[in-house]
N, C-alpha and C. Protein backbone atom coordinates (compact mmCIF):
# COMPACT_ATOMS: atom_id res chain seq x y z
N UNK A 1 59.18 5.92 32.95
CA UNK A 1 57.92 6.43 33.47
C UNK A 1 58.06 7.91 33.80
N UNK A 2 57.01 8.64 33.48
CA UNK A 2 56.97 10.06 33.81
C UNK A 2 55.89 10.28 34.85
N UNK A 3 56.10 11.26 35.69
CA UNK A 3 55.13 11.60 36.73
C UNK A 3 54.82 13.08 36.62
N UNK A 4 53.53 13.42 36.66
CA UNK A 4 53.10 14.81 36.55
C UNK A 4 52.21 15.15 37.73
N UNK A 5 52.40 16.34 38.29
CA UNK A 5 51.49 16.83 39.33
C UNK A 5 50.43 17.67 38.62
N UNK A 6 49.16 17.38 38.94
CA UNK A 6 48.06 18.13 38.34
C UNK A 6 47.25 18.78 39.45
N UNK A 7 46.43 19.77 39.08
CA UNK A 7 45.58 20.44 40.06
C UNK A 7 44.18 20.58 39.48
N UNK A 8 43.28 21.07 40.26
CA UNK A 8 41.90 21.24 39.84
C UNK A 8 41.83 22.03 38.54
N UNK A 9 41.03 21.53 37.60
CA UNK A 9 40.86 22.20 36.32
C UNK A 9 41.83 21.73 35.24
N UNK A 10 42.75 20.86 35.59
CA UNK A 10 43.73 20.35 34.63
C UNK A 10 43.08 19.34 33.69
N UNK A 11 43.45 19.39 32.42
CA UNK A 11 42.99 18.42 31.43
C UNK A 11 44.18 17.52 31.08
N UNK A 12 43.95 16.22 31.08
CA UNK A 12 45.01 15.25 30.78
C UNK A 12 44.57 14.39 29.60
N UNK A 13 45.44 14.24 28.61
CA UNK A 13 45.17 13.36 27.48
C UNK A 13 46.07 12.15 27.60
N UNK A 14 45.48 10.97 27.52
CA UNK A 14 46.24 9.72 27.56
C UNK A 14 46.03 9.03 26.21
N UNK A 15 47.13 8.77 25.51
CA UNK A 15 47.05 8.12 24.20
C UNK A 15 46.49 6.71 24.31
N UNK A 16 45.84 6.23 23.25
CA UNK A 16 45.33 4.85 23.26
C UNK A 16 46.45 3.85 23.56
N UNK A 17 46.14 2.84 24.34
CA UNK A 17 47.07 1.76 24.71
C UNK A 17 48.20 2.21 25.64
N UNK A 18 48.19 3.47 26.08
CA UNK A 18 49.25 3.95 26.98
C UNK A 18 48.92 3.55 28.42
N UNK A 19 49.86 2.92 29.10
CA UNK A 19 49.65 2.57 30.51
C UNK A 19 49.66 3.86 31.32
N UNK A 20 48.73 3.93 32.28
CA UNK A 20 48.65 5.14 33.09
C UNK A 20 47.94 4.83 34.41
N UNK A 21 48.09 5.76 35.34
CA UNK A 21 47.36 5.68 36.61
C UNK A 21 47.26 7.08 37.19
N UNK A 22 46.29 7.25 38.07
CA UNK A 22 46.11 8.50 38.78
C UNK A 22 46.21 8.20 40.27
N UNK A 23 46.91 9.04 41.00
CA UNK A 23 47.10 8.83 42.43
C UNK A 23 46.84 10.14 43.16
N UNK A 24 45.98 10.09 44.17
CA UNK A 24 45.68 11.26 44.98
C UNK A 24 46.73 11.36 46.09
N UNK A 25 47.57 12.38 46.02
CA UNK A 25 48.59 12.57 47.05
C UNK A 25 48.19 13.69 48.02
N UNK A 26 46.98 14.21 47.87
CA UNK A 26 46.50 15.29 48.73
C UNK A 26 45.57 14.79 49.81
N UNK A 27 45.03 15.73 50.57
CA UNK A 27 44.13 15.41 51.67
C UNK A 27 42.65 15.48 51.26
N UNK A 28 42.37 16.12 50.13
CA UNK A 28 40.98 16.27 49.71
C UNK A 28 40.58 15.12 48.78
N UNK A 29 39.28 15.02 48.51
CA UNK A 29 38.75 13.97 47.65
C UNK A 29 39.17 14.26 46.21
N UNK A 30 39.62 13.24 45.52
CA UNK A 30 40.05 13.35 44.12
C UNK A 30 38.92 12.84 43.23
N UNK A 31 38.42 13.72 42.35
CA UNK A 31 37.36 13.34 41.41
C UNK A 31 37.85 13.63 40.01
N UNK A 32 37.47 12.77 39.06
CA UNK A 32 37.82 13.04 37.68
C UNK A 32 36.77 12.47 36.75
N UNK A 33 36.74 13.00 35.54
CA UNK A 33 35.83 12.52 34.50
C UNK A 33 36.68 11.87 33.43
N UNK A 34 36.31 10.68 33.03
CA UNK A 34 37.04 9.93 32.01
C UNK A 34 36.16 9.81 30.77
N UNK A 35 36.63 10.32 29.64
CA UNK A 35 35.90 10.23 28.37
C UNK A 35 36.65 9.28 27.46
N UNK A 36 35.95 8.26 26.95
CA UNK A 36 36.56 7.27 26.09
C UNK A 36 35.80 7.25 24.76
N UNK A 37 36.44 7.70 23.68
CA UNK A 37 35.75 7.68 22.38
C UNK A 37 35.64 6.25 21.85
N UNK A 38 34.54 5.98 21.16
CA UNK A 38 34.37 4.67 20.54
C UNK A 38 34.11 4.86 19.06
N UNK A 39 34.52 3.89 18.27
CA UNK A 39 34.27 3.95 16.83
C UNK A 39 32.85 3.51 16.56
N UNK A 40 32.19 4.20 15.64
CA UNK A 40 30.84 3.84 15.24
C UNK A 40 30.91 2.54 14.43
N UNK A 41 30.15 1.54 14.81
CA UNK A 41 30.22 0.24 14.15
C UNK A 41 29.26 0.11 12.96
N UNK A 42 28.61 1.20 12.60
CA UNK A 42 27.65 1.16 11.49
C UNK A 42 28.38 1.31 10.16
């Protein structure tokens, strides 16, 4: 397992099927946006 410290404005890419988690170790509110691409079924 690897652990990375990130800060405001950081972009993180998580590969498909990769186990991951985010943990707020600070005193402020942790907010993030998660974008999940989907395959077009047409």
